[in-house]
Amino acid sequence: ASESRFSFDNMGWYRQAPGKQRELVAIITSGGSTNYADSVKGRFTID
């Protein structure tokens, strides 16, 4: 984040390939709980 004083609750990553809809890749809560798209489980890690 460009502003250090700002805080987020949930953060994550999305991706969009040409001609396709934007899809969720992974999310992480402020407490550290994570969820992943099935296509990236075991390969990607969010922190």
ModelCIF file with pLDDT and N, C-alpha, C, O atoms, coordinates in Angstrom:
data_MODEL
#
_entry.id   MODEL 
#
_entity.id                         1 
_entity.type                       polymer 
_entity.pdbx_number_of_molecules   1 
#
_entity_poly.entity_id                      1 
_entity_poly.type                           'polypeptide(L)' 
_entity_poly.nstd_linkage                   no 
_entity_poly.nstd_monomer                   no 
_entity_poly.pdbx_seq_one_letter_code       ASESRFSFDNMGWYRQAPGKQRELVAIITSGGSTNYADSVKGRFTID 
_entity_poly.pdbx_seq_one_letter_code_can   ASESRFSFDNMGWYRQAPGKQRELVAIITSGGSTNYADSVKGRFTID 
_entity_poly.pdbx_strand_id                 A 
#
loop_
_entity_poly_seq.entity_id 
_entity_poly_seq.num 
_entity_poly_seq.mon_id 
_entity_poly_seq.hetero 
1 1  ALA n 
1 2  SER n 
1 3  GLU n 
1 4  SER n 
1 5  ARG n 
1 6  PHE n 
1 7  SER n 
1 8  PHE n 
1 9  ASP n 
1 10 ASN n 
1 11 MET n 
1 12 GLY n 
1 13 TRP n 
1 14 TYR n 
1 15 ARG n 
1 16 GLN n 
1 17 ALA n 
1 18 PRO n 
1 19 GLY n 
1 20 LYS n 
1 21 GLN n 
1 22 ARG n 
1 23 GLU n 
1 24 LEU n 
1 25 VAL n 
1 26 ALA n 
1 27 ILE n 
1 28 ILE n 
1 29 THR n 
1 30 SER n 
1 31 GLY n 
1 32 GLY n 
1 33 SER n 
1 34 THR n 
1 35 ASN n 
1 36 TYR n 
1 37 ALA n 
1 38 ASP n 
1 39 SER n 
1 40 VAL n 
1 41 LYS n 
1 42 GLY n 
1 43 ARG n 
1 44 PHE n 
1 45 THR n 
1 46 ILE n 
1 47 ASP n 
#
_struct_asym.id          A 
_struct_asym.entity_id   1 
#
loop_
_ma_qa_metric.id 
_ma_qa_metric.mode 
_ma_qa_metric.name 
_ma_qa_metric.software_group_id 
_ma_qa_metric.type 
1 global pLDDT . pLDDT 
2 local  pLDDT . pLDDT 
#
_ma_qa_metric_global.metric_id      1 
_ma_qa_metric_global.metric_value   94.43 
_ma_qa_metric_global.model_id       1 
_ma_qa_metric_global.ordinal_id     1 
#
loop_
_ma_qa_metric_local.label_asym_id 
_ma_qa_metric_local.label_comp_id 
_ma_qa_metric_local.label_seq_id 
_ma_qa_metric_local.metric_id 
_ma_qa_metric_local.metric_value 
_ma_qa_metric_local.model_id 
_ma_qa_metric_local.ordinal_id 
A ALA 1  2 90.00 1 1  
A SER 2  2 89.00 1 2  
A GLU 3  2 84.00 1 3  
A SER 4  2 77.00 1 4  
A ARG 5  2 78.00 1 5  
A PHE 6  2 80.00 1 6  
A SER 7  2 85.00 1 7  
A PHE 8  2 91.00 1 8  
A ASP 9  2 93.00 1 9  
A ASN 10 2 95.00 1 10 
A MET 11 2 96.00 1 11 
A GLY 12 2 97.00 1 12 
A TRP 13 2 98.00 1 13 
A TYR 14 2 98.00 1 14 
A ARG 15 2 98.00 1 15 
A GLN 16 2 98.00 1 16 
A ALA 17 2 97.00 1 17 
A PRO 18 2 92.00 1 18 
A GLY 19 2 93.00 1 19 
A LYS 20 2 96.00 1 20 
A GLN 21 2 97.00 1 21 
A ARG 22 2 97.00 1 22 
A GLU 23 2 97.00 1 23 
A LEU 24 2 97.00 1 24 
A VAL 25 2 98.00 1 25 
A ALA 26 2 98.00 1 26 
A ILE 27 2 98.00 1 27 
A ILE 28 2 97.00 1 28 
A THR 29 2 95.00 1 29 
A SER 30 2 90.00 1 30 
A GLY 31 2 90.00 1 31 
A GLY 32 2 93.00 1 32 
A SER 33 2 97.00 1 33 
A THR 34 2 98.00 1 34 
A ASN 35 2 98.00 1 35 
A TYR 36 2 98.00 1 36 
A ALA 37 2 98.00 1 37 
A ASP 38 2 98.00 1 38 
A SER 39 2 97.00 1 39 
A VAL 40 2 98.00 1 40 
A LYS 41 2 98.00 1 41 
A GLY 42 2 98.00 1 42 
A ARG 43 2 98.00 1 43 
A PHE 44 2 98.00 1 44 
A THR 45 2 98.00 1 45 
A ILE 46 2 98.00 1 46 
A ASP 47 2 96.00 1 47 
#
loop_
_atom_site.group_PDB 
_atom_site.id 
_atom_site.type_symbol 
_atom_site.label_atom_id 
_atom_site.label_alt_id 
_atom_site.label_comp_id 
_atom_site.label_asym_id 
_atom_site.label_entity_id 
_atom_site.label_seq_id 
_atom_site.pdbx_PDB_ins_code 
_atom_site.Cartn_x 
_atom_site.Cartn_y 
_atom_site.Cartn_z 
_atom_site.occupancy 
_atom_site.B_iso_or_equiv 
_atom_site.pdbx_formal_charge 
_atom_site.auth_seq_id 
_atom_site.auth_comp_id 
_atom_site.auth_asym_id 
_atom_site.auth_atom_id 
_atom_site.pdbx_PDB_model_num 
ATOM 1   N N  . ALA A 1 1  ? 0.831   -1.192  0.000   1.00 90.00 ? 1  ALA A N  1 
ATOM 2   C CA . ALA A 1 1  ? 0.000   0.000   0.000   1.00 90.00 ? 1  ALA A CA 1 
ATOM 3   C C  . ALA A 1 1  ? 0.864   1.239   0.000   1.00 90.00 ? 1  ALA A C  1 
ATOM 4   O O  . ALA A 1 1  ? 1.911   1.284   0.646   1.00 90.00 ? 1  ALA A O  1 
ATOM 5   N N  . SER A 1 2  ? 0.419   2.236   -0.726  1.00 89.00 ? 2  SER A N  1 
ATOM 6   C CA . SER A 1 2  ? 1.188   3.472   -0.830  1.00 89.00 ? 2  SER A CA 1 
ATOM 7   C C  . SER A 1 2  ? 1.157   4.294   0.446   1.00 89.00 ? 2  SER A C  1 
ATOM 8   O O  . SER A 1 2  ? 2.056   5.100   0.685   1.00 89.00 ? 2  SER A O  1 
ATOM 9   N N  . GLU A 1 3  ? 0.146   4.101   1.257   1.00 84.00 ? 3  GLU A N  1 
ATOM 10  C CA . GLU A 1 3  ? -0.018  4.849   2.496   1.00 84.00 ? 3  GLU A CA 1 
ATOM 11  C C  . GLU A 1 3  ? 0.172   3.908   3.669   1.00 84.00 ? 3  GLU A C  1 
ATOM 12  O O  . GLU A 1 3  ? -0.630  2.998   3.878   1.00 84.00 ? 3  GLU A O  1 
ATOM 13  N N  . SER A 1 4  ? 1.218   4.121   4.424   1.00 77.00 ? 4  SER A N  1 
ATOM 14  C CA . SER A 1 4  ? 1.577   3.199   5.492   1.00 77.00 ? 4  SER A CA 1 
ATOM 15  C C  . SER A 1 4  ? 0.574   3.172   6.633   1.00 77.00 ? 4  SER A C  1 
ATOM 16  O O  . SER A 1 4  ? 0.464   2.164   7.331   1.00 77.00 ? 4  SER A O  1 
ATOM 17  N N  . ARG A 1 5  ? -0.154  4.254   6.835   1.00 78.00 ? 5  ARG A N  1 
ATOM 18  C CA . ARG A 1 5  ? -1.126  4.311   7.923   1.00 78.00 ? 5  ARG A CA 1 
ATOM 19  C C  . ARG A 1 5  ? -2.409  3.561   7.606   1.00 78.00 ? 5  ARG A C  1 
ATOM 20  O O  . ARG A 1 5  ? -3.186  3.262   8.513   1.00 78.00 ? 5  ARG A O  1 
ATOM 21  N N  . PHE A 1 6  ? -2.640  3.258   6.361   1.00 80.00 ? 6  PHE A N  1 
ATOM 22  C CA . PHE A 1 6  ? -3.852  2.569   5.970   1.00 80.00 ? 6  PHE A CA 1 
ATOM 23  C C  . PHE A 1 6  ? -3.737  1.082   6.280   1.00 80.00 ? 6  PHE A C  1 
ATOM 24  O O  . PHE A 1 6  ? -2.671  0.487   6.119   1.00 80.00 ? 6  PHE A O  1 
ATOM 25  N N  . SER A 1 7  ? -4.825  0.493   6.720   1.00 85.00 ? 7  SER A N  1 
ATOM 26  C CA . SER A 1 7  ? -4.840  -0.927  7.028   1.00 85.00 ? 7  SER A CA 1 
ATOM 27  C C  . SER A 1 7  ? -5.995  -1.610  6.315   1.00 85.00 ? 7  SER A C  1 
ATOM 28  O O  . SER A 1 7  ? -7.061  -1.024  6.124   1.00 85.00 ? 7  SER A O  1 
ATOM 29  N N  . PHE A 1 8  ? -5.766  -2.848  5.927   1.00 91.00 ? 8  PHE A N  1 
ATOM 30  C CA . PHE A 1 8  ? -6.763  -3.661  5.252   1.00 91.00 ? 8  PHE A CA 1 
ATOM 31  C C  . PHE A 1 8  ? -7.183  -4.812  6.154   1.00 91.00 ? 8  PHE A C  1 
ATOM 32  O O  . PHE A 1 8  ? -6.406  -5.285  6.983   1.00 91.00 ? 8  PHE A O  1 
ATOM 33  N N  . ASP A 1 9  ? -8.422  -5.255  5.981   1.00 93.00 ? 9  ASP A N  1 
ATOM 34  C CA . ASP A 1 9  ? -8.836  -6.461  6.676   1.00 93.00 ? 9  ASP A CA 1 
ATOM 35  C C  . ASP A 1 9  ? -8.440  -7.689  5.850   1.00 93.00 ? 9  ASP A C  1 
ATOM 36  O O  . ASP A 1 9  ? -7.543  -8.434  6.242   1.00 93.00 ? 9  ASP A O  1 
ATOM 37  N N  . ASN A 1 10 ? -9.101  -7.899  4.719   1.00 95.00 ? 10 ASN A N  1 
ATOM 38  C CA . ASN A 1 10 ? -8.727  -8.981  3.826   1.00 95.00 ? 10 ASN A CA 1 
ATOM 39  C C  . ASN A 1 10 ? -7.856  -8.463  2.688   1.00 95.00 ? 10 ASN A C  1 
ATOM 40  O O  . ASN A 1 10 ? -8.033  -7.339  2.218   1.00 95.00 ? 10 ASN A O  1 
ATOM 41  N N  . MET A 1 11 ? -6.931  -9.279  2.259   1.00 96.00 ? 11 MET A N  1 
ATOM 42  C CA . MET A 1 11 ? -6.112  -8.976  1.102   1.00 96.00 ? 11 MET A CA 1 
ATOM 43  C C  . MET A 1 11 ? -6.033  -10.220 0.229   1.00 96.00 ? 11 MET A C  1 
ATOM 44  O O  . MET A 1 11 ? -6.269  -11.337 0.689   1.00 96.00 ? 11 MET A O  1 
ATOM 45  N N  . GLY A 1 12 ? -5.701  -10.009 -1.022  1.00 97.00 ? 12 GLY A N  1 
ATOM 46  C CA . GLY A 1 12 ? -5.631  -11.171 -1.886  1.00 97.00 ? 12 GLY A CA 1 
ATOM 47  C C  . GLY A 1 12 ? -5.081  -10.861 -3.255  1.00 97.00 ? 12 GLY A C  1 
ATOM 48  O O  . GLY A 1 12 ? -4.637  -9.751  -3.550  1.00 97.00 ? 12 GLY A O  1 
ATOM 49  N N  . TRP A 1 13 ? -5.129  -11.889 -4.081  1.00 98.00 ? 13 TRP A N  1 
ATOM 50  C CA . TRP A 1 13 ? -4.670  -11.809 -5.452  1.00 98.00 ? 13 TRP A CA 1 
ATOM 51  C C  . TRP A 1 13 ? -5.725  -12.361 -6.389  1.00 98.00 ? 13 TRP A C  1 
ATOM 52  O O  . TRP A 1 13 ? -6.307  -13.417 -6.139  1.00 98.00 ? 13 TRP A O  1 
ATOM 53  N N  . TYR A 1 14 ? -5.963  -11.646 -7.456  1.00 98.00 ? 14 TYR A N  1 
ATOM 54  C CA . TYR A 1 14 ? -6.799  -12.083 -8.544  1.00 98.00 ? 14 TYR A CA 1 
ATOM 55  C C  . TYR A 1 14 ? -5.964  -12.121 -9.815  1.00 98.00 ? 14 TYR A C  1 
ATOM 56  O O  . TYR A 1 14 ? -4.875  -11.549 -9.871  1.00 98.00 ? 14 TYR A O  1 
ATOM 57  N N  . ARG A 1 15 ? -6.476  -12.790 -10.821 1.00 98.00 ? 15 ARG A N  1 
ATOM 58  C CA . ARG A 1 15 ? -5.791  -12.802 -12.098 1.00 98.00 ? 15 ARG A CA 1 
ATOM 59  C C  . ARG A 1 15 ? -6.800  -12.806 -13.231 1.00 98.00 ? 15 ARG A C  1 
ATOM 60  O O  . ARG A 1 15 ? -7.936  -13.252 -13.071 1.00 98.00 ? 15 ARG A O  1 
ATOM 61  N N  . GLN A 1 16 ? -6.372  -12.308 -14.367 1.00 98.00 ? 16 GLN A N  1 
ATOM 62  C CA . GLN A 1 16 ? -7.219  -12.265 -15.543 1.00 98.00 ? 16 GLN A CA 1 
ATOM 63  C C  . GLN A 1 16 ? -6.391  -12.549 -16.782 1.00 98.00 ? 16 GLN A C  1 
ATOM 64  O O  . GLN A 1 16 ? -5.448  -11.826 -17.104 1.00 98.00 ? 16 GLN A O  1 
ATOM 65  N N  . ALA A 1 17 ? -6.763  -13.611 -17.463 1.00 97.00 ? 17 ALA A N  1 
ATOM 66  C CA . ALA A 1 17 ? -6.136  -13.962 -18.724 1.00 97.00 ? 17 ALA A CA 1 
ATOM 67  C C  . ALA A 1 17 ? -6.919  -13.323 -19.866 1.00 97.00 ? 17 ALA A C  1 
ATOM 68  O O  . ALA A 1 17 ? -8.099  -13.013 -19.703 1.00 97.00 ? 17 ALA A O  1 
ATOM 69  N N  . PRO A 1 18 ? -6.286  -13.121 -21.015 1.00 92.00 ? 18 PRO A N  1 
ATOM 70  C CA . PRO A 1 18 ? -6.985  -12.500 -22.142 1.00 92.00 ? 18 PRO A CA 1 
ATOM 71  C C  . PRO A 1 18 ? -8.258  -13.247 -22.519 1.00 92.00 ? 18 PRO A C  1 
ATOM 72  O O  . PRO A 1 18 ? -8.248  -14.467 -22.686 1.00 92.00 ? 18 PRO A O  1 
ATOM 73  N N  . GLY A 1 19 ? -9.350  -12.507 -22.649 1.00 93.00 ? 19 GLY A N  1 
ATOM 74  C CA . GLY A 1 19 ? -10.617 -13.095 -23.036 1.00 93.00 ? 19 GLY A CA 1 
ATOM 75  C C  . GLY A 1 19 ? -11.339 -13.843 -21.939 1.00 93.00 ? 19 GLY A C  1 
ATOM 76  O O  . GLY A 1 19 ? -12.377 -14.453 -22.194 1.00 93.00 ? 19 GLY A O  1 
ATOM 77  N N  . LYS A 1 20 ? -10.819 -13.815 -20.728 1.00 96.00 ? 20 LYS A N  1 
ATOM 78  C CA . LYS A 1 20 ? -11.431 -14.526 -19.622 1.00 96.00 ? 20 LYS A CA 1 
ATOM 79  C C  . LYS A 1 20 ? -11.794 -13.565 -18.500 1.00 96.00 ? 20 LYS A C  1 
ATOM 80  O O  . LYS A 1 20 ? -11.285 -12.447 -18.426 1.00 96.00 ? 20 LYS A O  1 
ATOM 81  N N  . GLN A 1 21 ? -12.686 -14.024 -17.629 1.00 97.00 ? 21 GLN A N  1 
ATOM 82  C CA . GLN A 1 21 ? -13.089 -13.225 -16.488 1.00 97.00 ? 21 GLN A CA 1 
ATOM 83  C C  . GLN A 1 21 ? -11.999 -13.213 -15.424 1.00 97.00 ? 21 GLN A C  1 
ATOM 84  O O  . GLN A 1 21 ? -11.208 -14.149 -15.307 1.00 97.00 ? 21 GLN A O  1 
ATOM 85  N N  . ARG A 1 22 ? -11.979 -12.140 -14.659 1.00 97.00 ? 22 ARG A N  1 
ATOM 86  C CA . ARG A 1 22 ? -11.067 -12.079 -13.544 1.00 97.00 ? 22 ARG A CA 1 
ATOM 87  C C  . ARG A 1 22 ? -11.484 -13.104 -12.487 1.00 97.00 ? 22 ARG A C  1 
ATOM 88  O O  . ARG A 1 22 ? -12.663 -13.226 -12.157 1.00 97.00 ? 22 ARG A O  1 
ATOM 89  N N  . GLU A 1 23 ? -10.512 -13.828 -11.969 1.00 97.00 ? 23 GLU A N  1 
ATOM 90  C CA . GLU A 1 23 ? -10.801 -14.877 -11.011 1.00 97.00 ? 23 GLU A CA 1 
ATOM 91  C C  . GLU A 1 23 ? -9.947  -14.725 -9.765  1.00 97.00 ? 23 GLU A C  1 
ATOM 92  O O  . GLU A 1 23 ? -8.829  -14.211 -9.807  1.00 97.00 ? 23 GLU A O  1 
ATOM 93  N N  . LEU A 1 24 ? -10.501 -15.183 -8.666  1.00 97.00 ? 24 LEU A N  1 
ATOM 94  C CA . LEU A 1 24 ? -9.782  -15.166 -7.402  1.00 97.00 ? 24 LEU A CA 1 
ATOM 95  C C  . LEU A 1 24 ? -8.701  -16.236 -7.407  1.00 97.00 ? 24 LEU A C  1 
ATOM 96  O O  . LEU A 1 24 ? -8.952  -17.383 -7.778  1.00 97.00 ? 24 LEU A O  1 
ATOM 97  N N  . VAL A 1 25 ? -7.510  -15.859 -6.996  1.00 98.00 ? 25 VAL A N  1 
ATOM 98  C CA . VAL A 1 25 ? -6.406  -16.793 -6.858  1.00 98.00 ? 25 VAL A CA 1 
ATOM 99  C C  . VAL A 1 25 ? -6.243  -17.203 -5.402  1.00 98.00 ? 25 VAL A C  1 
ATOM 100 O O  . VAL A 1 25 ? -6.204  -18.392 -5.088  1.00 98.00 ? 25 VAL A O  1 
ATOM 101 N N  . ALA A 1 26 ? -6.147  -16.226 -4.523  1.00 98.00 ? 26 ALA A N  1 
ATOM 102 C CA . ALA A 1 26 ? -5.945  -16.497 -3.108  1.00 98.00 ? 26 ALA A CA 1 
ATOM 103 C C  . ALA A 1 26 ? -6.330  -15.276 -2.292  1.00 98.00 ? 26 ALA A C  1 
ATOM 104 O O  . ALA A 1 26 ? -6.189  -14.142 -2.749  1.00 98.00 ? 26 ALA A O  1 
ATOM 105 N N  . ILE A 1 27 ? -6.815  -15.514 -1.084  1.00 98.00 ? 27 ILE A N  1 
ATOM 106 C CA . ILE A 1 27 ? -7.116  -14.442 -0.153  1.00 98.00 ? 27 ILE A CA 1 
ATOM 107 C C  . ILE A 1 27 ? -6.525  -14.784 1.207   1.00 98.00 ? 27 ILE A C  1 
ATOM 108 O O  . ILE A 1 27 ? -6.302  -15.951 1.530   1.00 98.00 ? 27 ILE A O  1 
ATOM 109 N N  . ILE A 1 28 ? -6.278  -13.758 1.984   1.00 97.00 ? 28 ILE A N  1 
ATOM 110 C CA . ILE A 1 28 ? -5.779  -13.932 3.340   1.00 97.00 ? 28 ILE A CA 1 
ATOM 111 C C  . ILE A 1 28 ? -6.417  -12.873 4.221   1.00 97.00 ? 28 ILE A C  1 
ATOM 112 O O  . ILE A 1 28 ? -6.473  -11.700 3.850   1.00 97.00 ? 28 ILE A O  1 
ATOM 113 N N  . THR A 1 29 ? -6.896  -13.282 5.380   1.00 95.00 ? 29 THR A N  1 
ATOM 114 C CA . THR A 1 29 ? -7.520  -12.357 6.309   1.00 95.00 ? 29 THR A CA 1 
ATOM 115 C C  . THR A 1 29 ? -6.463  -11.686 7.175   1.00 95.00 ? 29 THR A C  1 
ATOM 116 O O  . THR A 1 29 ? -5.289  -12.054 7.151   1.00 95.00 ? 29 THR A O  1 
ATOM 117 N N  . SER A 1 30 ? -6.903  -10.699 7.935   1.00 90.00 ? 30 SER A N  1 
ATOM 118 C CA . SER A 1 30 ? -5.985  -10.025 8.838   1.00 90.00 ? 30 SER A CA 1 
ATOM 119 C C  . SER A 1 30 ? -5.419  -10.974 9.883   1.00 90.00 ? 30 SER A C  1 
ATOM 120 O O  . SER A 1 30 ? -4.325  -10.755 10.402  1.00 90.00 ? 30 SER A O  1 
ATOM 121 N N  . GLY A 1 31 ? -6.168  -12.031 10.193  1.00 90.00 ? 31 GLY A N  1 
ATOM 122 C CA . GLY A 1 31 ? -5.716  -13.022 11.153  1.00 90.00 ? 31 GLY A CA 1 
ATOM 123 C C  . GLY A 1 31 ? -4.877  -14.136 10.564  1.00 90.00 ? 31 GLY A C  1 
ATOM 124 O O  . GLY A 1 31 ? -4.378  -14.991 11.296  1.00 90.00 ? 31 GLY A O  1 
ATOM 125 N N  . GLY A 1 32 ? -4.714  -14.138 9.246   1.00 93.00 ? 32 GLY A N  1 
ATOM 126 C CA . GLY A 1 32 ? -3.862  -15.118 8.610   1.00 93.00 ? 32 GLY A CA 1 
ATOM 127 C C  . GLY A 1 32 ? -4.562  -16.314 7.999   1.00 93.00 ? 32 GLY A C  1 
ATOM 128 O O  . GLY A 1 32 ? -3.895  -17.201 7.465   1.00 93.00 ? 32 GLY A O  1 
ATOM 129 N N  . SER A 1 33 ? -5.882  -16.370 8.060   1.00 97.00 ? 33 SER A N  1 
ATOM 130 C CA . SER A 1 33 ? -6.600  -17.456 7.403   1.00 97.00 ? 33 SER A CA 1 
ATOM 131 C C  . SER A 1 33 ? -6.534  -17.291 5.894   1.00 97.00 ? 33 SER A C  1 
ATOM 132 O O  . SER A 1 33 ? -6.619  -16.174 5.384   1.00 97.00 ? 33 SER A O  1 
ATOM 133 N N  . THR A 1 34 ? -6.385  -18.394 5.184   1.00 98.00 ? 34 THR A N  1 
ATOM 134 C CA . THR A 1 34 ? -6.197  -18.345 3.736   1.00 98.00 ? 34 THR A CA 1 
ATOM 135 C C  . THR A 1 34 ? -7.189  -19.221 3.008   1.00 98.00 ? 34 THR A C  1 
ATOM 136 O O  . THR A 1 34 ? -7.703  -20.196 3.555   1.00 98.00 ? 34 THR A O  1 
ATOM 137 N N  . ASN A 1 35 ? -7.449  -18.859 1.771   1.00 98.00 ? 35 ASN A N  1 
ATOM 138 C CA . ASN A 1 35 ? -8.228  -19.666 0.847   1.00 98.00 ? 35 ASN A CA 1 
ATOM 139 C C  . ASN A 1 35 ? -7.605  -19.547 -0.533  1.00 98.00 ? 35 ASN A C  1 
ATOM 140 O O  . ASN A 1 35 ? -7.098  -18.492 -0.915  1.00 98.00 ? 35 ASN A O  1 
ATOM 141 N N  . TYR A 1 36 ? -7.650  -20.649 -1.276  1.00 98.00 ? 36 TYR A N  1 
ATOM 142 C CA . TYR A 1 36 ? -7.029  -20.707 -2.589  1.00 98.00 ? 36 TYR A CA 1 
ATOM 143 C C  . TYR A 1 36 ? -7.990  -21.265 -3.619  1.00 98.00 ? 36 TYR A C  1 
ATOM 144 O O  . TYR A 1 36 ? -8.857  -22.083 -3.311  1.00 98.00 ? 36 TYR A O  1 
ATOM 145 N N  . ALA A 1 37 ? -7.820  -20.807 -4.846  1.00 98.00 ? 37 ALA A N  1 
ATOM 146 C CA . ALA A 1 37 ? -8.504  -21.448 -5.946  1.00 98.00 ? 37 ALA A CA 1 
ATOM 147 C C  . ALA A 1 37 ? -7.998  -22.877 -6.088  1.00 98.00 ? 37 ALA A C  1 
ATOM 148 O O  . ALA A 1 37 ? -6.820  -23.151 -5.859  1.00 98.00 ? 37 ALA A O  1 
ATOM 149 N N  . ASP A 1 38 ? -8.889  -23.784 -6.466  1.00 98.00 ? 38 ASP A N  1 
ATOM 150 C CA . ASP A 1 38 ? -8.500  -25.183 -6.594  1.00 98.00 ? 38 ASP A CA 1 
ATOM 151 C C  . ASP A 1 38 ? -7.336  -25.368 -7.567  1.00 98.00 ? 38 ASP A C  1 
ATOM 152 O O  . ASP A 1 38 ? -6.504  -26.257 -7.385  1.00 98.00 ? 38 ASP A O  1 
ATOM 153 N N  . SER A 1 39 ? -7.281  -24.537 -8.585  1.00 97.00 ? 39 SER A N  1 
ATOM 154 C CA . SER A 1 39 ? -6.268  -24.687 -9.608  1.00 97.00 ? 39 SER A CA 1 
ATOM 155 C C  . SER A 1 39 ? -4.855  -24.371 -9.123  1.00 97.00 ? 39 SER A C  1 
ATOM 156 O O  . SER A 1 39 ? -3.882  -24.748 -9.776  1.00 97.00 ? 39 SER A O  1 
ATOM 157 N N  . VAL A 1 40 ? -4.727  -23.683 -7.987  1.00 98.00 ? 40 VAL A N  1 
ATOM 158 C CA . VAL A 1 40 ? -3.406  -23.299 -7.506  1.00 98.00 ? 40 VAL A CA 1 
ATOM 159 C C  . VAL A 1 40 ? -3.058  -23.920 -6.166  1.00 98.00 ? 40 VAL A C  1 
ATOM 160 O O  . VAL A 1 40 ? -1.948  -23.718 -5.673  1.00 98.00 ? 40 VAL A O  1 
ATOM 161 N N  . LYS A 1 41 ? -3.961  -24.662 -5.566  1.00 98.00 ? 41 LYS A N  1 
ATOM 162 C CA . LYS A 1 41 ? -3.690  -25.281 -4.275  1.00 98.00 ? 41 LYS A CA 1 
ATOM 163 C C  . LYS A 1 41 ? -2.476  -26.195 -4.365  1.00 98.00 ? 41 LYS A C  1 
ATOM 164 O O  . LYS A 1 41 ? -2.339  -26.988 -5.296  1.00 98.00 ? 41 LYS A O  1 
ATOM 165 N N  . GLY A 1 42 ? -1.611  -26.067 -3.386  1.00 98.00 ? 42 GLY A N  1 
ATOM 166 C CA . GLY A 1 42 ? -0.403  -26.859 -3.355  1.00 98.00 ? 42 GLY A CA 1 
ATOM 167 C C  . GLY A 1 42 ? 0.744   -26.274 -4.130  1.00 98.00 ? 42 GLY A C  1 
ATOM 168 O O  . GLY A 1 42 ? 1.877   -26.738 -4.002  1.00 98.00 ? 42 GLY A O  1 
ATOM 169 N N  . ARG A 1 43 ? 0.478   -25.254 -4.941  1.00 98.00 ? 43 ARG A N  1 
ATOM 170 C CA . ARG A 1 43 ? 1.522   -24.624 -5.740  1.00 98.00 ? 43 ARG A CA 1 
ATOM 171 C C  . ARG A 1 43 ? 1.784   -23.180 -5.323  1.00 98.00 ? 43 ARG A C  1 
ATOM 172 O O  . ARG A 1 43 ? 2.923   -22.717 -5.364  1.00 98.00 ? 43 ARG A O  1 
ATOM 173 N N  . PHE A 1 44 ? 0.734   -22.474 -4.924  1.00 98.00 ? 44 PHE A N  1 
ATOM 174 C CA . PHE A 1 44 ? 0.846   -21.064 -4.556  1.00 98.00 ? 44 PHE A CA 1 
ATOM 175 C C  . PHE A 1 44 ? 0.672   -20.906 -3.053  1.00 98.00 ? 44 PHE A C  1 
ATOM 176 O O  . PHE A 1 44 ? -0.053  -21.671 -2.417  1.00 98.00 ? 44 PHE A O  1 
ATOM 177 N N  . THR A 1 45 ? 1.336   -19.918 -2.501  1.00 98.00 ? 45 THR A N  1 
ATOM 178 C CA . THR A 1 45 ? 1.194   -19.580 -1.099  1.00 98.00 ? 45 THR A CA 1 
ATOM 179 C C  . THR A 1 45 ? 1.042   -18.072 -0.951  1.00 98.00 ? 45 THR A C  1 
ATOM 180 O O  . THR A 1 45 ? 1.849   -17.303 -1.473  1.00 98.00 ? 45 THR A O  1 
ATOM 181 N N  . ILE A 1 46 ? 0.007   -17.660 -0.240  1.00 98.00 ? 46 ILE A N  1 
ATOM 182 C CA . ILE A 1 46 ? -0.200  -16.248 0.036   1.00 98.00 ? 46 ILE A CA 1 
ATOM 183 C C  . ILE A 1 46 ? 0.189   -15.964 1.486   1.00 98.00 ? 46 ILE A C  1 
ATOM 184 O O  . ILE A 1 46 ? -0.095  -16.764 2.377   1.00 98.00 ? 46 ILE A O  1 
ATOM 185 N N  . ASP A 1 47 ? 0.825   -14.849 1.714   1.00 96.00 ? 47 ASP A N  1 
ATOM 186 C CA . ASP A 1 47 ? 1.091   -14.409 3.067   1.00 96.00 ? 47 ASP A CA 1 
ATOM 187 C C  . ASP A 1 47 ? 1.081   -12.887 3.105   1.00 96.00 ? 47 ASP A C  1 
ATOM 188 O O  . ASP A 1 47 ? 1.286   -12.295 4.165   1.00 96.00 ? 47 ASP A O  1 
#
